Amino acid sequence: MALTSFFLGLAWFAITVSSQVNLYKYDTPDLGFQYQPEVTHYWGQFSPYFSVPSEYNASSPLPGCKVTFAQTLSRHGARFPTRGKNYAALLERIQSSVTKYGRGYEFIRNYKYNLSVDQLNDLGRQQMVNAGIHFYRRYHSLARSNQPFIRYDGQQRVVESGQKWAHGFHLAYLADESRVEPDTFPYKMVEIPHGKAFNNTLSNKRCANFDKSYAKALRQATGRKLMRGIRRRLNKNLRGANLSTKEAHLLMELCPMETAANFGKTGALSPFCSLFRRKDWKAFDHYSTVVKWFASGDGNPLGPTLGVGWVNELIARLLQRPVEDHTSTNSTLATNPATFPLTSKLYADFTHVNDLLGIYSALGLFKTKTTLSNTKMTTIPINRIAAVQKLTGYSASRVASLGARMYVEKMTCEGEQGELVRILINDRVMRLPNCGADKEGRCKLALLPEIVCMERNEGGVETLTFSACCDS
């Protein structure tokens, strides 16, 4: 136990040397970010990862079962704002136009915006170390004697996320007195080139017809409805600003972005968070859910195109057979055993939020089952807030958080013929459609390729974009 504490202590030290707050107090390997969850768990895709309750037994291994394969697919950790965000310009406009600040808004008058851009912040690094530790612990029976094969998209924040995850996995290995020697660190990692010129299942930019602006009109309609009261209150307390709906939403975004960026120093929410009420964050989360659903998920007719290549790679790994894909797979890498091994037992891939959502869509994870052989699309209302339970568990904060992860498990179980597979998102067991999933969310592995092809056929665009999915 002392050895375990020593090695894991190194992880917290490595992250917090530049911080004044012990991040591990609020972000842990098993539960994720738990600081003021009534606020931070409703920040949409800006929420730091947190463990989501499951309707089914999410433990691993399940009683009477042996996990023989585990794959994690993770979004990068918490980051600074992307370069295109105009927070500084918004604040400058507010400061130059407001004639009177309401109570609690006075701090904005002299506020100086100084956040960095694009890269991971300290909280994001901590998250990814924790994610590696958690994966090791969860799949200990495999991890103690098998090294993970790791891939990441070539954008720097994703590269660093994969490397920090590997560091966490390695620290957990060193702390494990039952480990099997030797462990060679750093582990094998493959960086897939980022950009439109490359096939890349972890950052798919090769679908010429894909258009994220598909959600633009819906985003505007939802924003006008859900942000109406918030915008009115902001303008009342920022007299002269005359904020638009988009600007009001940007001001809300400053709360999670500033909190994540500075949490290692302050251990507190950003002052901008105090401008909003708990019910405001539920509106914010639903707005984010609508945007992501219709931009990159099932609500976009071409949403699954972002994910089908990776799903075909997953099937290849699960069945230990060559990749069959003509969509976004990088054939140079996927046909080389050194860069796409088929015999590993542990895999870790690192990606972006829109690609993650496209992969969920390609797998049909948020379809509603109607009969054994039929599913229907989850409906996300655009003009009102709906309980997440009525949306098959889909909300941006629960499935697309910073550091969000999907686990794919292959197992053998007593009394079962053949191998089984199940999928979890942020610790919540998902039910694959059309596979006769049991009470533990498990499906027969042999059915998985057929299930995925069925999802593509139901989408109505099989002949245009998904023909390779059903190649035999």
Protein backbone atom coordinates (compact mmCIF):
# COMPACT_ATOMS: atom_id res chain seq x y z
CA MET A 1 0.00 0.00 0.00
CA ALA A 2 2.86 2.38 0.79
CA LEU A 3 4.42 1.65 -2.61
CA THR A 4 1.10 2.32 -4.32
CA SER A 5 0.72 5.66 -2.57
CA PHE A 6 4.28 6.65 -3.44
CA PHE A 7 4.02 6.05 -7.18
CA LEU A 8 0.57 7.55 -7.55
CA GLY A 9 1.76 10.50 -5.53
CA LEU A 10 4.28 11.16 -8.26
CA ALA A 11 1.40 11.67 -10.69
CA TRP A 12 -0.23 14.35 -8.61
CA PHE A 13 3.15 16.04 -8.03
CA ALA A 14 3.95 16.06 -11.76
CA ILE A 15 0.70 17.86 -12.53
CA THR A 16 0.49 20.21 -9.56
CA VAL A 17 4.05 21.56 -9.42
CA SER A 18 2.83 24.66 -11.28
CA SER A 19 -0.46 24.81 -9.38
CA GLN A 20 -1.43 26.03 -5.95
CA VAL A 21 -4.37 23.63 -5.61
CA ASN A 22 -4.27 19.86 -5.25
CA LEU A 23 -6.30 18.98 -8.34
CA TYR A 24 -6.65 15.37 -7.21
CA LYS A 25 -8.92 16.57 -4.41
CA TYR A 26 -11.56 17.49 -6.99
CA ASP A 27 -10.71 15.28 -9.99
CA THR A 28 -10.16 11.60 -9.24
CA PRO A 29 -9.49 8.53 -11.41
CA ASP A 30 -12.80 6.87 -10.60
CA LEU A 31 -15.28 9.74 -10.35
CA GLY A 32 -13.78 12.49 -12.48
CA PHE A 33 -14.48 16.15 -11.73
CA GLN A 34 -16.71 16.56 -8.69
CA TYR A 35 -16.39 20.23 -7.74
CA GLN A 36 -19.86 21.81 -7.40
CA PRO A 37 -21.47 19.20 -9.69
CA GLU A 38 -24.81 21.02 -9.63
CA VAL A 39 -23.05 23.55 -11.87
CA THR A 40 -20.06 21.87 -13.51
CA HIS A 41 -21.99 18.80 -14.67
CA TYR A 42 -24.24 21.01 -16.83
CA TRP A 43 -21.60 22.72 -18.91
CA GLY A 44 -22.32 20.74 -22.07
CA GLN A 45 -19.22 19.75 -24.00
CA PHE A 46 -17.22 22.09 -21.74
CA SER A 47 -17.89 19.94 -18.65
CA PRO A 48 -14.78 18.18 -17.37
CA TYR A 49 -15.33 14.41 -17.46
CA PHE A 50 -17.44 12.95 -14.66
CA SER A 51 -18.66 9.40 -14.07
CA VAL A 52 -22.29 8.93 -15.18
CA PRO A 53 -24.70 6.60 -13.31
CA SER A 54 -25.63 3.41 -15.13
CA GLU A 55 -28.97 1.62 -15.23
CA TYR A 56 -27.08 -1.66 -15.62
CA ASN A 57 -24.18 -3.19 -13.72
CA ALA A 58 -21.13 -1.32 -14.99
CA SER A 59 -18.52 -3.21 -12.96
CA SER A 60 -15.69 -5.11 -14.60
CA PRO A 61 -15.34 -7.98 -14.73
CA LEU A 62 -18.94 -9.06 -14.41
CA PRO A 63 -19.57 -12.10 -12.19
CA GLY A 64 -18.65 -15.28 -14.04
CA CYS A 65 -16.94 -13.38 -16.86
CA LYS A 66 -13.40 -12.80 -18.02
CA VAL A 67 -12.52 -9.69 -20.02
CA THR A 68 -10.23 -10.62 -22.91
CA PHE A 69 -10.06 -7.26 -24.74
CA ALA A 70 -10.58 -3.61 -23.80
CA GLN A 71 -10.57 -0.52 -25.99
CA THR A 72 -10.89 3.06 -24.83
CA LEU A 73 -11.75 5.91 -27.18
CA SER A 74 -11.30 9.27 -25.49
CA ARG A 75 -11.80 12.92 -26.22
CA HIS A 76 -8.82 15.08 -25.30
CA GLY A 77 -8.71 16.61 -21.83
CA ALA A 78 -9.75 20.08 -20.70
CA ARG A 79 -8.22 22.78 -22.88
CA PHE A 80 -7.91 26.50 -23.29
CA PRO A 81 -10.35 28.17 -25.72
CA THR A 82 -9.85 27.48 -29.40
CA ARG A 83 -8.22 30.21 -31.44
CA GLY A 84 -11.42 31.32 -33.17
CA LYS A 85 -13.32 32.19 -29.99
CA ASN A 86 -13.92 35.94 -29.58
CA TYR A 87 -14.13 36.21 -25.80
CA ALA A 88 -11.62 39.07 -25.64
CA ALA A 89 -13.46 41.08 -28.29
CA LEU A 90 -16.79 40.53 -26.51
CA LEU A 91 -15.41 41.76 -23.20
CA GLU A 92 -13.84 44.79 -24.84
CA ARG A 93 -17.18 45.66 -26.42
CA ILE A 94 -18.99 45.27 -23.09
CA GLN A 95 -16.44 47.45 -21.30
CA SER A 96 -16.66 50.16 -23.94
CA SER A 97 -20.46 50.24 -24.13
CA VAL A 98 -21.84 49.54 -20.64
CA THR A 99 -22.98 52.66 -18.81
CA LYS A 100 -23.93 50.94 -15.55
CA TYR A 101 -23.04 47.58 -14.02
CA GLY A 102 -25.55 45.74 -11.86
CA ARG A 103 -24.71 44.28 -8.47
CA GLY A 104 -22.28 41.39 -8.91
CA TYR A 105 -21.32 42.49 -12.41
CA GLU A 106 -18.88 45.21 -11.37
CA PHE A 107 -15.81 42.97 -11.75
CA ILE A 108 -16.26 43.02 -15.53
CA ARG A 109 -15.41 46.74 -15.69
CA ASN A 110 -11.67 46.14 -15.17
CA TYR A 111 -11.46 42.48 -16.12
CA LYS A 112 -8.40 41.51 -18.20
CA TYR A 113 -8.78 38.49 -20.48
CA ASN A 114 -5.52 36.52 -20.67
CA LEU A 115 -6.32 32.87 -21.44
CA SER A 116 -4.04 30.90 -23.71
CA VAL A 117 -5.40 29.03 -26.75
CA ASP A 118 -5.95 25.50 -28.03
CA GLN A 119 -3.70 23.42 -25.75
CA LEU A 120 -4.40 21.39 -22.63
CA ASN A 121 -4.49 23.18 -19.31
CA ASP A 122 -3.36 21.71 -15.98
CA LEU A 123 -6.80 20.27 -15.28
CA GLY A 124 -6.79 18.57 -18.68
CA ARG A 125 -3.42 17.00 -18.00
CA GLN A 126 -4.61 15.78 -14.61
CA GLN A 127 -7.72 14.31 -16.23
CA MET A 128 -5.76 12.27 -18.72
CA VAL A 129 -3.32 10.91 -16.13
CA ASN A 130 -6.35 9.90 -14.06
CA ALA A 131 -7.97 8.28 -17.09
CA GLY A 132 -4.91 6.09 -17.63
CA ILE A 133 -4.91 5.08 -13.97
CA HIS A 134 -8.61 4.26 -14.08
CA PHE A 135 -8.25 2.13 -17.22
CA TYR A 136 -5.43 0.16 -15.61
CA ARG A 137 -7.44 -0.45 -12.46
CA ARG A 138 -10.61 -1.40 -14.30
CA TYR A 139 -8.88 -3.90 -16.57
CA HIS A 140 -6.26 -4.97 -14.06
CA SER A 141 -6.31 -8.65 -15.05
CA LEU A 142 -5.18 -7.66 -18.54
CA ALA A 143 -3.18 -4.53 -17.74
CA ARG A 144 -0.81 -6.22 -15.30
CA SER A 145 0.69 -8.27 -18.13
CA ASN A 146 -0.22 -6.41 -21.35
CA GLN A 147 0.88 -3.03 -22.61
CA PRO A 148 -1.66 -0.81 -24.38
CA PHE A 149 -1.37 0.10 -28.05
CA ILE A 150 -1.98 3.84 -28.31
CA ARG A 151 -3.00 6.10 -31.21
CA TYR A 152 -3.87 9.76 -31.34
CA ASP A 153 -4.75 12.45 -33.84
CA GLY A 154 -1.82 14.71 -34.64
CA GLN A 155 -3.22 17.93 -33.15
CA GLN A 156 -1.08 18.83 -30.14
CA ARG A 157 -3.77 18.75 -27.45
CA VAL A 158 -4.77 15.26 -28.57
CA VAL A 159 -1.15 14.11 -28.74
CA GLU A 160 -0.53 15.34 -25.21
CA SER A 161 -3.75 13.72 -24.00
CA GLY A 162 -2.59 10.33 -25.25
CA GLN A 163 0.84 10.78 -23.70
CA LYS A 164 -0.57 11.82 -20.31
CA TRP A 165 -2.96 8.84 -20.40
CA ALA A 166 0.01 6.54 -21.04
CA HIS A 167 1.84 8.14 -18.13
CA GLY A 168 -1.11 7.44 -15.84
CA PHE A 169 -1.35 3.83 -17.02
CA HIS A 170 2.38 3.39 -16.39
CA LEU A 171 2.17 4.90 -12.90
CA ALA A 172 -0.64 2.50 -12.02
CA TYR A 173 1.48 -0.36 -13.35
CA LEU A 174 4.44 0.66 -11.19
CA ALA A 175 2.17 0.83 -8.16
CA ASP A 176 0.83 -2.68 -8.81
CA GLU A 177 2.77 -5.23 -6.76
CA SER A 178 1.19 -8.05 -8.81
CA ARG A 179 2.47 -6.68 -12.12
CA VAL A 180 4.23 -8.98 -14.55
CA GLU A 181 7.67 -7.79 -15.65
CA PRO A 182 8.95 -6.32 -17.86
CA ASP A 183 7.19 -3.08 -18.70
CA THR A 184 8.75 -1.05 -21.51
CA PHE A 185 7.85 2.62 -21.23
CA PRO A 186 7.19 4.76 -23.20
CA TYR A 187 4.67 2.51 -24.90
CA LYS A 188 4.18 2.16 -28.62
CA MET A 189 2.22 5.19 -29.85
CA VAL A 190 1.09 6.09 -33.35
CA GLU A 191 0.34 9.67 -34.36
CA ILE A 192 -2.07 9.95 -37.30
CA PRO A 193 -1.40 13.11 -39.35
CA HIS A 194 -3.97 15.86 -38.81
CA GLY A 195 -5.59 17.76 -41.67
CA LYS A 196 -7.77 17.51 -44.74
CA ALA A 197 -4.98 15.94 -46.79
CA PHE A 198 -4.96 12.77 -44.67
CA ASN A 199 -7.27 9.85 -44.01
CA ASN A 200 -7.68 9.83 -40.25
CA THR A 201 -10.41 8.01 -38.32
CA LEU A 202 -9.59 10.10 -35.23
CA SER A 203 -10.10 13.41 -37.04
CA ASN A 204 -12.15 12.76 -40.15
CA LYS A 205 -12.02 15.71 -42.51
CA ARG A 206 -12.35 13.79 -45.78
CA CYS A 207 -16.15 13.81 -46.18
CA ALA A 208 -16.61 16.61 -48.69
CA ASN A 209 -20.39 16.68 -48.28
CA PHE A 210 -20.33 16.86 -44.49
CA ASP A 211 -21.58 20.22 -43.24
CA LYS A 212 -21.66 21.19 -39.58
CA SER A 213 -23.72 24.25 -40.49
CA TYR A 214 -26.64 21.83 -40.90
CA ALA A 215 -27.43 22.70 -37.28
CA LYS A 216 -27.14 26.47 -37.72
CA ALA A 217 -30.84 27.28 -38.04
CA LEU A 218 -31.73 24.92 -35.19
CA ARG A 219 -28.98 26.40 -33.04
CA GLN A 220 -30.36 29.89 -33.57
CA ALA A 221 -33.94 28.84 -32.85
CA THR A 222 -32.94 26.95 -29.71
CA GLY A 223 -30.76 29.80 -28.53
CA ARG A 224 -33.53 32.36 -28.92
CA LYS A 225 -35.91 30.17 -26.92
CA LEU A 226 -33.64 28.91 -24.13
CA MET A 227 -31.47 32.01 -23.75
CA ARG A 228 -34.29 34.58 -23.81
CA GLY A 229 -34.57 35.08 -20.06
CA ILE A 230 -30.82 34.84 -19.51
CA ARG A 231 -30.13 37.43 -22.20
CA ARG A 232 -32.75 39.77 -20.77
CA ARG A 233 -31.22 39.57 -17.29
CA LEU A 234 -27.69 40.13 -18.59
CA ASN A 235 -28.73 43.21 -20.55
CA LYS A 236 -30.56 44.57 -17.52
CA ASN A 237 -27.37 44.34 -15.48
CA LEU A 238 -25.04 45.40 -18.28
CA ARG A 239 -26.88 48.53 -19.31
CA GLY A 240 -25.88 49.64 -22.77
CA ALA A 241 -24.34 46.31 -23.85
CA ASN A 242 -27.40 45.13 -25.80
CA LEU A 243 -26.03 41.59 -25.96
CA SER A 244 -27.25 39.32 -28.73
CA THR A 245 -28.23 35.71 -28.03
CA LYS A 246 -24.86 34.57 -29.37
CA GLU A 247 -23.00 37.03 -27.16
CA ALA A 248 -24.98 35.99 -24.09
CA HIS A 249 -24.01 32.40 -24.77
CA LEU A 250 -20.35 33.37 -25.20
CA LEU A 251 -20.47 35.10 -21.83
CA MET A 252 -21.78 31.87 -20.29
CA GLU A 253 -18.97 29.90 -21.95
CA LEU A 254 -16.44 32.04 -20.10
CA CYS A 255 -17.54 30.37 -16.87
CA PRO A 256 -16.40 26.81 -17.76
CA MET A 257 -13.45 27.95 -19.87
CA GLU A 258 -12.03 30.22 -17.16
CA THR A 259 -12.75 27.73 -14.40
CA ALA A 260 -10.90 24.91 -16.15
CA ALA A 261 -8.00 27.16 -17.15
CA ASN A 262 -7.43 28.57 -13.66
CA PHE A 263 -8.71 25.85 -11.35
CA GLY A 264 -5.21 24.67 -10.49
CA LYS A 265 -4.47 28.14 -9.11
CA THR A 266 -7.83 29.15 -7.63
CA GLY A 267 -9.65 25.93 -6.74
CA ALA A 268 -12.86 27.84 -7.43
CA LEU A 269 -15.37 28.71 -10.11
CA SER A 270 -14.70 31.68 -12.36
CA PRO A 271 -16.34 34.97 -11.31
CA PHE A 272 -18.39 34.75 -14.50
CA CYS A 273 -20.19 31.71 -13.06
CA SER A 274 -21.78 33.91 -10.39
CA LEU A 275 -23.77 35.70 -13.10
CA PHE A 276 -25.87 32.60 -13.74
CA ARG A 277 -28.33 30.41 -11.87
CA ARG A 278 -28.55 26.63 -11.70
CA LYS A 279 -31.50 26.56 -14.06
CA ASP A 280 -29.46 28.61 -16.52
CA TRP A 281 -26.93 25.79 -16.72
CA LYS A 282 -29.62 23.26 -17.52
CA ALA A 283 -30.62 25.49 -20.43
CA PHE A 284 -26.97 25.81 -21.42
CA ASP A 285 -26.51 22.03 -21.38
CA HIS A 286 -29.62 21.43 -23.47
CA TYR A 287 -28.57 24.09 -25.96
CA SER A 288 -25.18 22.35 -26.26
CA THR A 289 -26.95 19.02 -26.68
CA VAL A 290 -29.06 20.32 -29.56
CA VAL A 291 -26.03 21.82 -31.30
CA LYS A 292 -23.93 18.66 -31.03
CA TRP A 293 -26.80 16.32 -31.93
CA PHE A 294 -27.63 18.12 -35.16
CA ALA A 295 -24.07 19.14 -36.06
CA SER A 296 -22.20 15.86 -35.58
CA GLY A 297 -24.58 13.21 -34.27
CA ASP A 298 -27.66 11.33 -35.39
CA GLY A 299 -29.53 14.56 -36.06
CA ASN A 300 -27.25 15.24 -39.03
CA PRO A 301 -27.92 12.88 -41.98
CA LEU A 302 -24.18 12.56 -42.55
CA GLY A 303 -23.22 12.49 -38.87
CA PRO A 304 -22.25 8.81 -38.96
CA THR A 305 -19.77 9.45 -41.78
CA LEU A 306 -17.41 10.82 -39.15
CA GLY A 307 -17.42 7.50 -37.33
CA VAL A 308 -17.83 4.59 -39.71
CA GLY A 309 -14.10 4.30 -40.47
CA TRP A 310 -13.20 3.97 -36.80
CA VAL A 311 -16.03 1.48 -36.26
CA ASN A 312 -14.61 -0.67 -39.05
CA GLU A 313 -11.23 -0.53 -37.31
CA LEU A 314 -12.90 -1.58 -34.06
CA ILE A 315 -14.49 -4.58 -35.75
CA ALA A 316 -11.11 -5.54 -37.19
CA ARG A 317 -9.55 -5.43 -33.74
CA LEU A 318 -12.35 -7.34 -32.06
CA LEU A 319 -12.36 -10.09 -34.69
CA GLN A 320 -8.58 -9.96 -35.30
CA ARG A 321 -8.96 -9.62 -39.04
CA PRO A 322 -7.74 -6.99 -41.55
CA VAL A 323 -9.62 -3.71 -41.74
CA GLU A 324 -12.34 -3.63 -44.40
CA ASP A 325 -12.95 0.02 -45.09
CA HIS A 326 -12.89 2.53 -47.94
CA THR A 327 -13.98 5.63 -46.02
CA SER A 328 -11.62 7.47 -43.64
CA THR A 329 -9.16 4.73 -42.65
CA ASN A 330 -5.50 5.46 -43.34
CA SER A 331 -4.64 2.36 -45.37
CA THR A 332 -0.89 2.93 -45.07
CA LEU A 333 -1.14 2.63 -41.29
CA ALA A 334 -4.02 0.15 -41.11
CA THR A 335 -2.30 -2.50 -43.25
CA ASN A 336 0.94 -2.45 -41.26
CA PRO A 337 1.02 -4.68 -38.14
CA ALA A 338 3.46 -2.26 -36.53
CA THR A 339 1.02 0.65 -36.76
CA PHE A 340 -2.24 -1.31 -36.57
CA PRO A 341 -1.72 -4.55 -34.64
CA LEU A 342 -4.60 -7.01 -34.47
CA THR A 343 -3.43 -9.15 -31.56
CA SER A 344 -3.18 -6.60 -28.75
CA LYS A 345 -5.54 -6.96 -25.81
CA LEU A 346 -5.57 -3.28 -24.78
CA TYR A 347 -6.10 -0.33 -27.11
CA ALA A 348 -6.37 3.41 -26.47
CA ASP A 349 -7.35 5.99 -29.12
CA PHE A 350 -7.62 9.77 -28.65
CA THR A 351 -9.81 12.07 -30.70
CA HIS A 352 -12.01 15.19 -30.83
CA VAL A 353 -15.58 15.76 -29.72
CA ASN A 354 -17.23 15.78 -33.15
CA ASP A 355 -15.49 12.58 -34.22
CA LEU A 356 -16.47 10.93 -30.94
CA LEU A 357 -20.12 11.82 -31.52
CA GLY A 358 -19.96 10.54 -35.09
CA ILE A 359 -18.67 7.21 -33.82
CA TYR A 360 -21.54 6.97 -31.32
CA SER A 361 -23.88 7.64 -34.25
CA ALA A 362 -22.23 5.03 -36.48
CA LEU A 363 -22.74 2.47 -33.72
CA GLY A 364 -26.38 3.50 -33.19
CA LEU A 365 -25.85 3.91 -29.45
CA PHE A 366 -28.64 6.44 -29.02
CA LYS A 367 -31.34 4.77 -31.06
CA THR A 368 -34.51 3.76 -29.23
CA LYS A 369 -35.41 0.10 -29.52
CA THR A 370 -38.97 -0.58 -30.70
CA THR A 371 -38.81 -4.25 -31.59
CA LEU A 372 -36.05 -6.82 -31.78
CA SER A 373 -35.27 -5.84 -35.36
CA ASN A 374 -36.28 -2.17 -35.46
CA THR A 375 -35.08 1.02 -33.86
CA LYS A 376 -36.08 4.64 -34.11
CA MET A 377 -34.20 7.88 -33.77
CA THR A 378 -34.02 9.62 -30.42
CA THR A 379 -35.81 12.97 -30.68
CA ILE A 380 -34.03 16.00 -29.22
CA PRO A 381 -36.52 18.87 -28.74
CA ILE A 382 -35.20 22.23 -29.87
CA ASN A 383 -37.63 24.53 -28.07
CA ARG A 384 -37.71 23.12 -24.54
CA ILE A 385 -35.50 21.39 -22.01
CA ALA A 386 -36.08 17.63 -21.78
CA ALA A 387 -35.00 15.24 -19.02
CA VAL A 388 -31.89 13.34 -20.06
CA GLN A 389 -33.64 10.05 -19.26
CA LYS A 390 -36.11 10.77 -22.07
CA LEU A 391 -33.24 11.33 -24.50
CA THR A 392 -31.78 7.81 -24.05
CA GLY A 393 -29.20 9.40 -21.76
CA TYR A 394 -27.93 11.79 -24.42
CA SER A 395 -26.72 15.16 -23.26
CA ALA A 396 -23.56 16.96 -24.26
CA SER A 397 -22.24 17.00 -20.70
CA ARG A 398 -22.77 13.25 -20.25
CA VAL A 399 -21.43 11.94 -23.54
CA ALA A 400 -19.13 14.66 -24.93
CA SER A 401 -17.39 16.11 -21.87
CA LEU A 402 -13.74 17.10 -21.89
CA GLY A 403 -11.96 13.78 -21.39
CA ALA A 404 -15.10 11.77 -22.24
CA ARG A 405 -14.34 8.11 -22.87
CA MET A 406 -16.02 5.12 -24.44
CA TYR A 407 -15.02 1.62 -23.37
CA VAL A 408 -15.51 -1.44 -25.55
CA GLU A 409 -15.16 -4.75 -23.71
CA LYS A 410 -14.91 -8.26 -25.12
CA MET A 411 -15.47 -11.10 -22.70
CA THR A 412 -16.22 -14.76 -22.20
CA CYS A 413 -18.81 -15.71 -19.60
CA GLU A 414 -19.89 -18.91 -17.91
CA GLY A 415 -22.93 -20.47 -19.56
CA GLU A 416 -22.52 -18.40 -22.73
CA GLN A 417 -21.50 -19.78 -26.08
CA GLY A 418 -19.16 -17.51 -27.97
CA GLU A 419 -17.65 -14.17 -27.05
CA LEU A 420 -19.69 -11.20 -25.86
CA VAL A 421 -19.18 -7.47 -26.28
CA ARG A 422 -20.52 -4.40 -24.51
CA ILE A 423 -19.97 -0.65 -24.63
CA LEU A 424 -19.86 1.99 -21.90
CA ILE A 425 -19.79 5.78 -22.20
CA ASN A 426 -18.43 7.61 -19.16
CA ASP A 427 -19.12 4.49 -17.04
CA ARG A 428 -22.71 4.14 -18.26
CA VAL A 429 -23.53 0.82 -19.94
CA MET A 430 -25.04 1.34 -23.39
CA ARG A 431 -27.41 -1.04 -25.18
CA LEU A 432 -26.39 -1.78 -28.74
CA PRO A 433 -29.50 -1.85 -30.94
CA ASN A 434 -30.85 -4.93 -32.69
CA CYS A 435 -28.55 -7.40 -30.96
CA GLY A 436 -30.77 -8.85 -28.25
CA ALA A 437 -28.66 -7.26 -25.50
CA ASP A 438 -29.05 -8.97 -22.13
CA LYS A 439 -29.64 -7.35 -18.74
CA GLU A 440 -25.92 -6.55 -18.49
CA GLY A 441 -25.90 -4.78 -21.88
CA ARG A 442 -23.93 -7.58 -23.56
CA CYS A 443 -24.33 -8.69 -27.18
CA LYS A 444 -22.87 -11.62 -29.05
CA LEU A 445 -19.69 -10.47 -30.73
CA ALA A 446 -20.52 -12.38 -33.91
CA LEU A 447 -23.54 -10.11 -34.43
CA LEU A 448 -21.63 -6.83 -34.23
CA PRO A 449 -20.68 -6.43 -37.92
CA GLU A 450 -24.27 -7.17 -38.96
CA ILE A 451 -25.63 -4.73 -36.39
CA VAL A 452 -23.41 -1.91 -37.61
CA CYS A 453 -24.31 -2.57 -41.24
CA MET A 454 -28.00 -2.54 -40.31
CA GLU A 455 -27.54 0.88 -38.74
CA ARG A 456 -26.06 2.17 -41.97
CA ASN A 457 -28.88 0.75 -44.07
CA GLU A 458 -31.47 2.38 -41.81
CA GLY A 459 -29.75 5.72 -42.36
CA GLY A 460 -30.84 5.80 -45.99
CA VAL A 461 -27.40 6.69 -47.35
CA GLU A 462 -25.79 3.27 -47.55
CA THR A 463 -25.10 3.37 -51.27
CA LEU A 464 -23.53 6.83 -51.05
CA THR A 465 -21.27 6.66 -48.04
CA PHE A 466 -21.32 3.33 -46.26
CA SER A 467 -21.02 0.61 -48.90
CA ALA A 468 -17.72 -0.60 -47.46
CA CYS A 469 -19.34 -1.30 -44.12
CA CYS A 470 -21.08 -4.41 -45.41
CA ASP A 471 -18.26 -5.75 -47.57
CA SER A 472 -17.45 -9.32 -46.69
